[in-house]
Amino acid sequence: MTTVQQLLNEKGRDVFTVGPGETVFDAIRKMAEQNVPAWLFFHAGQCRAALPEQ
């Protein structure tokens, strides 16, 4: 089984963000620009939603 450490070593540790005032279109555009397959949305320290590229 792959460990989190192995995933981070393979995929990298870059974190991309969008602010609360940005649109879903902004998030999708940034996903395409950065080749990011999914976004996690956090509010008050909790993950509230996920947006996969599909």
N, C-alpha and C. Protein backbone atom coordinates (compact mmCIF):
# COMPACT_ATOMS: atom_id res chain seq x y z
N MET A 1 0.84 -1.18 0.00
CA MET A 1 0.00 0.00 0.00
C MET A 1 0.89 1.25 0.00
N THR A 2 0.54 2.21 -0.81
CA THR A 2 1.28 3.47 -0.92
C THR A 2 1.03 4.33 0.31
N THR A 3 2.11 4.92 0.82
CA THR A 3 1.98 5.81 1.98
C THR A 3 1.78 7.25 1.52
N VAL A 4 1.32 8.09 2.41
CA VAL A 4 1.17 9.52 2.11
C VAL A 4 2.52 10.10 1.72
N GLN A 5 3.56 9.72 2.42
CA GLN A 5 4.91 10.20 2.11
C GLN A 5 5.30 9.87 0.68
N GLN A 6 5.01 8.65 0.25
CA GLN A 6 5.34 8.25 -1.12
C GLN A 6 4.55 9.08 -2.14
N LEU A 7 3.27 9.33 -1.86
CA LEU A 7 2.48 10.16 -2.77
C LEU A 7 3.04 11.57 -2.87
N LEU A 8 3.38 12.15 -1.73
CA LEU A 8 3.92 13.51 -1.74
C LEU A 8 5.26 13.57 -2.47
N ASN A 9 6.07 12.56 -2.30
CA ASN A 9 7.36 12.53 -2.99
C ASN A 9 7.17 12.44 -4.50
N GLU A 10 6.15 11.71 -4.94
CA GLU A 10 5.90 11.53 -6.37
C GLU A 10 5.18 12.73 -6.98
N LYS A 11 4.17 13.24 -6.32
CA LYS A 11 3.30 14.28 -6.88
C LYS A 11 3.76 15.70 -6.56
N GLY A 12 4.57 15.85 -5.55
CA GLY A 12 5.02 17.18 -5.15
C GLY A 12 4.20 17.75 -4.01
N ARG A 13 4.62 18.89 -3.51
CA ARG A 13 4.00 19.47 -2.33
C ARG A 13 3.40 20.84 -2.59
N ASP A 14 3.26 21.20 -3.85
CA ASP A 14 2.68 22.49 -4.19
C ASP A 14 1.22 22.56 -3.77
N VAL A 15 0.84 23.72 -3.28
CA VAL A 15 -0.55 23.96 -2.88
C VAL A 15 -1.04 25.18 -3.65
N PHE A 16 -2.19 25.03 -4.31
CA PHE A 16 -2.79 26.12 -5.07
C PHE A 16 -4.11 26.48 -4.40
N THR A 17 -4.39 27.76 -4.33
CA THR A 17 -5.61 28.19 -3.64
C THR A 17 -6.39 29.19 -4.48
N VAL A 18 -7.67 29.29 -4.15
CA VAL A 18 -8.52 30.36 -4.65
C VAL A 18 -9.20 30.96 -3.43
N GLY A 19 -9.47 32.24 -3.51
CA GLY A 19 -10.09 32.92 -2.39
C GLY A 19 -11.60 32.79 -2.40
N PRO A 20 -12.23 33.11 -1.29
CA PRO A 20 -13.69 32.98 -1.18
C PRO A 20 -14.45 33.88 -2.15
N GLY A 21 -13.82 34.93 -2.64
CA GLY A 21 -14.48 35.83 -3.58
C GLY A 21 -14.34 35.42 -5.04
N GLU A 22 -13.58 34.35 -5.29
CA GLU A 22 -13.39 33.91 -6.66
C GLU A 22 -14.50 32.95 -7.07
N THR A 23 -14.76 32.88 -8.36
CA THR A 23 -15.85 32.05 -8.87
C THR A 23 -15.40 30.62 -9.11
N VAL A 24 -16.37 29.74 -9.33
CA VAL A 24 -16.06 28.36 -9.71
C VAL A 24 -15.29 28.37 -11.02
N PHE A 25 -15.66 29.26 -11.94
CA PHE A 25 -14.93 29.37 -13.20
C PHE A 25 -13.46 29.70 -12.95
N ASP A 26 -13.18 30.60 -12.00
CA ASP A 26 -11.79 30.93 -11.65
C ASP A 26 -11.06 29.68 -11.17
N ALA A 27 -11.72 28.89 -10.33
CA ALA A 27 -11.10 27.66 -9.81
C ALA A 27 -10.81 26.68 -10.94
N ILE A 28 -11.76 26.51 -11.85
CA ILE A 28 -11.57 25.59 -12.97
C ILE A 28 -10.44 26.07 -13.88
N ARG A 29 -10.39 27.37 -14.12
CA ARG A 29 -9.32 27.92 -14.95
C ARG A 29 -7.96 27.65 -14.32
N LYS A 30 -7.86 27.86 -13.01
CA LYS A 30 -6.59 27.61 -12.32
C LYS A 30 -6.23 26.13 -12.32
N MET A 31 -7.26 25.26 -12.21
CA MET A 31 -7.00 23.82 -12.29
C MET A 31 -6.34 23.48 -13.62
N ALA A 32 -6.88 24.04 -14.70
CA ALA A 32 -6.33 23.77 -16.03
C ALA A 32 -4.93 24.34 -16.18
N GLU A 33 -4.72 25.56 -15.69
CA GLU A 33 -3.40 26.21 -15.82
C GLU A 33 -2.33 25.45 -15.05
N GLN A 34 -2.67 24.93 -13.88
CA GLN A 34 -1.69 24.27 -13.02
C GLN A 34 -1.69 22.75 -13.16
N ASN A 35 -2.57 22.22 -14.02
CA ASN A 35 -2.70 20.78 -14.21
C ASN A 35 -3.00 20.08 -12.88
N VAL A 36 -3.97 20.62 -12.16
CA VAL A 36 -4.38 20.09 -10.86
C VAL A 36 -5.65 19.25 -11.08
N PRO A 37 -5.66 17.98 -10.64
CA PRO A 37 -6.81 17.13 -10.92
C PRO A 37 -8.01 17.34 -10.00
N ALA A 38 -7.83 18.01 -8.88
CA ALA A 38 -8.96 18.21 -7.96
C ALA A 38 -8.64 19.34 -6.99
N TRP A 39 -9.70 19.94 -6.50
CA TRP A 39 -9.58 20.98 -5.47
C TRP A 39 -10.38 20.55 -4.26
N LEU A 40 -9.87 20.87 -3.09
CA LEU A 40 -10.61 20.68 -1.84
C LEU A 40 -10.98 22.05 -1.32
N PHE A 41 -12.20 22.21 -0.88
CA PHE A 41 -12.68 23.49 -0.38
C PHE A 41 -12.82 23.42 1.14
N PHE A 42 -12.12 24.33 1.81
CA PHE A 42 -12.13 24.37 3.27
C PHE A 42 -12.82 25.63 3.76
N HIS A 43 -13.52 25.49 4.87
CA HIS A 43 -14.13 26.62 5.56
C HIS A 43 -14.02 26.36 7.05
N ALA A 44 -13.52 27.33 7.77
CA ALA A 44 -13.35 27.21 9.22
C ALA A 44 -12.55 25.95 9.58
N GLY A 45 -11.53 25.65 8.78
CA GLY A 45 -10.65 24.54 9.06
C GLY A 45 -11.18 23.17 8.72
N GLN A 46 -12.35 23.10 8.10
CA GLN A 46 -12.93 21.81 7.74
C GLN A 46 -13.11 21.72 6.23
N CYS A 47 -12.86 20.54 5.69
CA CYS A 47 -13.08 20.30 4.27
C CYS A 47 -14.59 20.25 4.03
N ARG A 48 -15.08 21.13 3.17
CA ARG A 48 -16.52 21.22 2.92
C ARG A 48 -16.95 20.62 1.59
N ALA A 49 -16.02 20.54 0.62
CA ALA A 49 -16.39 20.02 -0.69
C ALA A 49 -15.13 19.67 -1.47
N ALA A 50 -15.31 18.88 -2.51
CA ALA A 50 -14.23 18.54 -3.43
C ALA A 50 -14.73 18.76 -4.85
N LEU A 51 -13.85 19.27 -5.70
CA LEU A 51 -14.18 19.51 -7.10
C LEU A 51 -13.17 18.78 -7.97
N PRO A 52 -13.55 17.59 -8.46
CA PRO A 52 -12.62 16.87 -9.34
C PRO A 52 -12.68 17.44 -10.75
N GLU A 53 -11.66 17.17 -11.55
CA GLU A 53 -11.62 17.69 -12.91
C GLU A 53 -12.68 17.07 -13.80
N GLN A 54 -13.17 15.92 -13.45
CA GLN A 54 -14.15 15.24 -14.29
C GLN A 54 -15.48 15.80 -14.01
